[in-house]
Amino acid sequence: MSGPVLNGAVVDIAEGVAIVFARVADVLPDGAADEHRAGRVLLDGLLTRSAGPALAGARVAKGRNGRPYLPAHPRIGVNVSHSGGYVAAGVGLGHRVGVDAEVPAPVSPGLRERCCSRTALGALRRLPPERGRREFVRIWTVQEACVKAAGLGLAGAPWRIPVEVGQHRGHWNGFTWRSLPDRFPVPVSCAYATEGFS
């Protein structure tokens, strides 16, 4: 099969929905630390794997709120995320898709309170600090993946999407989400339209 080489870890999330995750340095071994270019390379590889080599290099445009889409293939959902030297891409054949990867970093108590239920806040406080930071970021990746799949961005108020500590699968407003908390060096989550494109 010709086309881009898929240099990352692939996870099949559901029928027709897959994500790929990698370090930027593994995608672009020439030393260029360009997360955007690495995301495109990963996306091309995942498109080739999922839909065939004809889709590698397909034009990607940005819709409302910045959600990427393929103008020539409107029923194939695509999304890319990058953070701190890592990159992830998602493809949904017949599904809108969102993916988010985030490097854990310290967050303010106010942000935690905005994004988490009281139950989740209590559970986060009981975790060791490093684990609590990672778990909060995992919750955020779920929330972000959902609004990215919906094409809403921050206007979709991701902090209102209910996600509990230790919850790795769920549903929100017609989207199914899944987080992969310990599969990769950083939290990664994916959301996709349960009923496909609407």
Protein backbone atom coordinates (compact mmCIF):
# COMPACT_ATOMS: atom_id res chain seq x y z
CA MET A 1 0.00 0.00 0.00
CA SER A 2 1.46 3.36 -0.97
CA GLY A 3 0.88 6.57 0.96
CA PRO A 4 2.01 7.83 4.33
CA VAL A 5 3.46 5.50 6.91
CA LEU A 6 1.39 5.35 10.08
CA ASN A 7 4.00 5.91 12.77
CA GLY A 8 1.94 5.80 15.96
CA ALA A 9 -0.21 3.63 18.20
CA VAL A 10 -3.67 3.03 16.72
CA VAL A 11 -6.75 2.28 18.80
CA ASP A 12 -10.03 1.23 17.22
CA ILE A 13 -12.63 3.00 19.35
CA ALA A 14 -15.79 1.72 17.63
CA GLU A 15 -16.88 0.46 14.22
CA GLY A 16 -15.45 3.02 11.77
CA VAL A 17 -13.85 5.17 14.50
CA ALA A 18 -10.11 5.06 15.22
CA ILE A 19 -7.47 7.26 16.78
CA VAL A 20 -3.70 7.31 16.54
CA PHE A 21 -1.26 8.75 19.07
CA ALA A 22 2.47 9.43 18.88
CA ARG A 23 5.31 11.63 20.01
CA VAL A 24 5.98 14.39 17.50
CA ALA A 25 9.63 13.25 17.36
CA ASP A 26 8.51 9.77 16.26
CA VAL A 27 6.31 11.20 13.49
CA LEU A 28 8.88 13.73 12.27
CA PRO A 29 12.25 12.08 12.88
CA ASP A 30 14.01 14.83 10.91
CA GLY A 31 14.12 16.85 14.14
CA ALA A 32 11.44 19.39 13.28
CA ALA A 33 9.19 19.83 16.30
CA ASP A 34 6.17 21.02 14.32
CA GLU A 35 3.08 19.65 16.09
CA HIS A 36 0.72 20.85 13.35
CA ARG A 37 2.70 19.10 10.59
CA ALA A 38 2.99 15.96 12.74
CA GLY A 39 -0.77 15.99 13.24
CA ARG A 40 -1.34 16.15 9.50
CA VAL A 41 1.10 13.30 8.88
CA LEU A 42 -0.68 11.16 11.50
CA LEU A 43 -4.08 12.09 10.07
CA ASP A 44 -2.98 11.11 6.55
CA GLY A 45 -1.72 7.77 7.83
CA LEU A 46 -4.95 7.09 9.72
CA LEU A 47 -7.06 8.11 6.72
CA THR A 48 -5.05 5.67 4.57
CA ARG A 49 -5.55 2.89 7.13
CA SER A 50 -9.26 3.63 7.62
CA ALA A 51 -10.48 4.66 4.17
CA GLY A 52 -7.75 3.77 1.68
CA PRO A 53 -4.73 5.48 0.12
CA ALA A 54 -6.81 7.81 -2.07
CA LEU A 55 -7.64 9.87 1.01
CA ALA A 56 -4.04 10.54 2.04
CA GLY A 57 -3.39 14.20 1.40
CA ALA A 58 -7.11 15.02 1.10
CA ARG A 59 -7.78 18.71 1.57
CA VAL A 60 -8.72 19.58 5.15
CA ALA A 61 -10.75 22.73 5.72
CA LYS A 62 -11.93 24.38 8.93
CA GLY A 63 -15.61 24.76 9.65
CA ARG A 64 -17.36 26.84 12.24
CA ASN A 65 -15.48 27.03 15.52
CA GLY A 66 -12.42 25.59 13.78
CA ARG A 67 -13.56 21.97 13.46
CA PRO A 68 -11.60 20.31 10.61
CA TYR A 69 -13.44 18.50 7.85
CA LEU A 70 -12.78 16.99 4.44
CA PRO A 71 -14.75 19.01 1.83
CA ALA A 72 -14.56 16.22 -0.76
CA HIS A 73 -15.58 13.58 1.82
CA PRO A 74 -18.19 15.20 4.07
CA ARG A 75 -19.22 11.93 5.75
CA ILE A 76 -15.75 11.23 7.10
CA GLY A 77 -15.05 12.97 10.39
CA VAL A 78 -11.50 14.03 11.23
CA ASN A 79 -9.85 15.70 14.19
CA VAL A 80 -6.35 16.41 15.49
CA SER A 81 -4.93 17.33 18.90
CA HIS A 82 -1.44 18.20 20.05
CA SER A 83 0.11 19.02 23.40
CA GLY A 84 3.66 19.27 24.69
CA GLY A 85 5.38 17.19 22.03
CA TYR A 86 2.56 14.67 21.59
CA VAL A 87 -0.01 14.45 18.82
CA ALA A 88 -3.22 12.49 18.24
CA ALA A 89 -5.58 12.21 15.27
CA GLY A 90 -9.03 10.70 14.89
CA VAL A 91 -11.04 9.47 11.92
CA GLY A 92 -14.72 8.54 11.91
CA LEU A 93 -16.13 6.83 8.83
CA GLY A 94 -19.70 8.14 8.88
CA HIS A 95 -19.19 9.76 12.29
CA ARG A 96 -18.22 13.22 13.47
CA VAL A 97 -15.22 12.71 15.72
CA GLY A 98 -13.22 14.65 18.30
CA VAL A 99 -9.94 13.70 19.94
CA ASP A 100 -7.99 15.41 22.69
CA ALA A 101 -4.57 14.71 24.20
CA GLU A 102 -3.16 16.84 27.00
CA VAL A 103 0.05 16.88 29.00
CA PRO A 104 -0.88 17.05 32.71
CA ALA A 105 0.04 20.36 34.30
CA PRO A 106 -0.91 22.11 37.53
CA VAL A 107 -4.38 23.67 37.40
CA SER A 108 -6.06 26.22 39.60
CA PRO A 109 -8.67 25.14 42.14
CA GLY A 110 -11.11 27.41 40.29
CA LEU A 111 -10.66 25.50 37.04
CA ARG A 112 -11.16 22.19 38.84
CA GLU A 113 -14.34 23.51 40.43
CA ARG A 114 -15.61 24.76 37.08
CA CYS A 115 -15.01 21.45 35.28
CA CYS A 116 -15.89 18.87 37.92
CA SER A 117 -18.92 17.75 39.89
CA ARG A 118 -18.76 17.85 43.68
CA THR A 119 -18.30 14.08 43.66
CA ALA A 120 -15.38 14.32 41.23
CA LEU A 121 -13.79 17.17 43.22
CA GLY A 122 -13.91 15.09 46.40
CA ALA A 123 -12.42 12.08 44.62
CA LEU A 124 -9.65 14.22 43.07
CA ARG A 125 -8.73 15.63 46.50
CA ARG A 126 -8.28 12.09 47.85
CA LEU A 127 -5.79 11.15 45.12
CA PRO A 128 -2.03 11.73 45.42
CA PRO A 129 -1.21 15.10 43.78
CA GLU A 130 0.39 13.71 40.59
CA ARG A 131 -2.41 11.18 40.06
CA GLY A 132 -5.02 13.86 40.79
CA ARG A 133 -3.48 16.17 38.21
CA ARG A 134 -3.49 13.41 35.60
CA GLU A 135 -7.07 12.42 36.41
CA PHE A 136 -8.28 16.02 36.15
CA VAL A 137 -6.59 16.34 32.76
CA ARG A 138 -8.22 13.06 31.69
CA ILE A 139 -11.63 14.50 32.61
CA TRP A 140 -10.78 17.64 30.61
CA THR A 141 -9.75 15.57 27.56
CA VAL A 142 -13.17 13.88 27.58
CA GLN A 143 -14.95 17.22 27.82
CA GLU A 144 -12.80 18.76 25.10
CA ALA A 145 -13.15 15.74 22.76
CA CYS A 146 -16.94 15.98 23.08
CA VAL A 147 -17.20 19.66 22.13
CA LYS A 148 -14.65 19.18 19.35
CA ALA A 149 -16.74 16.34 17.89
CA ALA A 150 -19.83 18.53 18.12
CA GLY A 151 -17.98 21.38 16.39
CA LEU A 152 -18.67 23.72 19.29
CA GLY A 153 -15.21 24.44 20.71
CA LEU A 154 -15.18 26.33 23.99
CA ALA A 155 -18.56 27.86 23.09
CA GLY A 156 -19.93 24.39 23.87
CA ALA A 157 -19.01 24.88 27.56
CA PRO A 158 -17.05 21.63 27.89
CA TRP A 159 -16.86 22.09 31.67
CA ARG A 160 -20.59 21.30 31.83
CA ILE A 161 -20.13 17.78 30.45
CA PRO A 162 -20.41 15.37 33.38
CA VAL A 163 -17.40 13.07 33.78
CA GLU A 164 -16.53 11.37 37.05
CA VAL A 165 -13.19 10.22 38.40
CA GLY A 166 -12.52 6.71 37.09
CA GLN A 167 -15.29 6.90 34.44
CA HIS A 168 -13.79 5.83 31.12
CA ARG A 169 -16.85 5.60 28.87
CA GLY A 170 -20.01 7.60 28.57
CA HIS A 171 -22.50 9.53 26.49
CA TRP A 172 -23.27 13.23 26.04
CA ASN A 173 -25.78 14.93 23.71
CA GLY A 174 -25.74 12.22 21.01
CA PHE A 175 -22.01 11.52 21.34
CA THR A 176 -20.30 8.49 22.77
CA TRP A 177 -16.96 9.08 24.45
CA ARG A 178 -14.11 6.93 25.61
CA SER A 179 -10.98 7.85 27.50
CA LEU A 180 -7.75 5.91 27.44
CA PRO A 181 -6.31 6.99 30.80
CA ASP A 182 -3.17 4.88 31.02
CA ARG A 183 -2.70 3.68 27.46
CA PHE A 184 -0.40 6.56 26.51
CA PRO A 185 2.09 8.79 28.35
CA VAL A 186 -0.59 11.52 28.54
CA PRO A 187 -4.38 11.32 28.84
CA VAL A 188 -6.17 10.87 25.49
CA SER A 189 -9.91 10.77 24.86
CA CYS A 190 -12.15 10.40 21.82
CA ALA A 191 -15.79 11.26 21.19
CA TYR A 192 -17.90 10.39 18.16
CA ALA A 193 -21.45 10.94 16.99
CA THR A 194 -23.38 7.86 18.12
CA GLU A 195 -25.80 8.02 15.20
CA GLY A 196 -23.25 9.19 12.64
CA PHE A 197 -23.62 12.49 10.80
CA SER A 198 -26.84 14.38 11.34
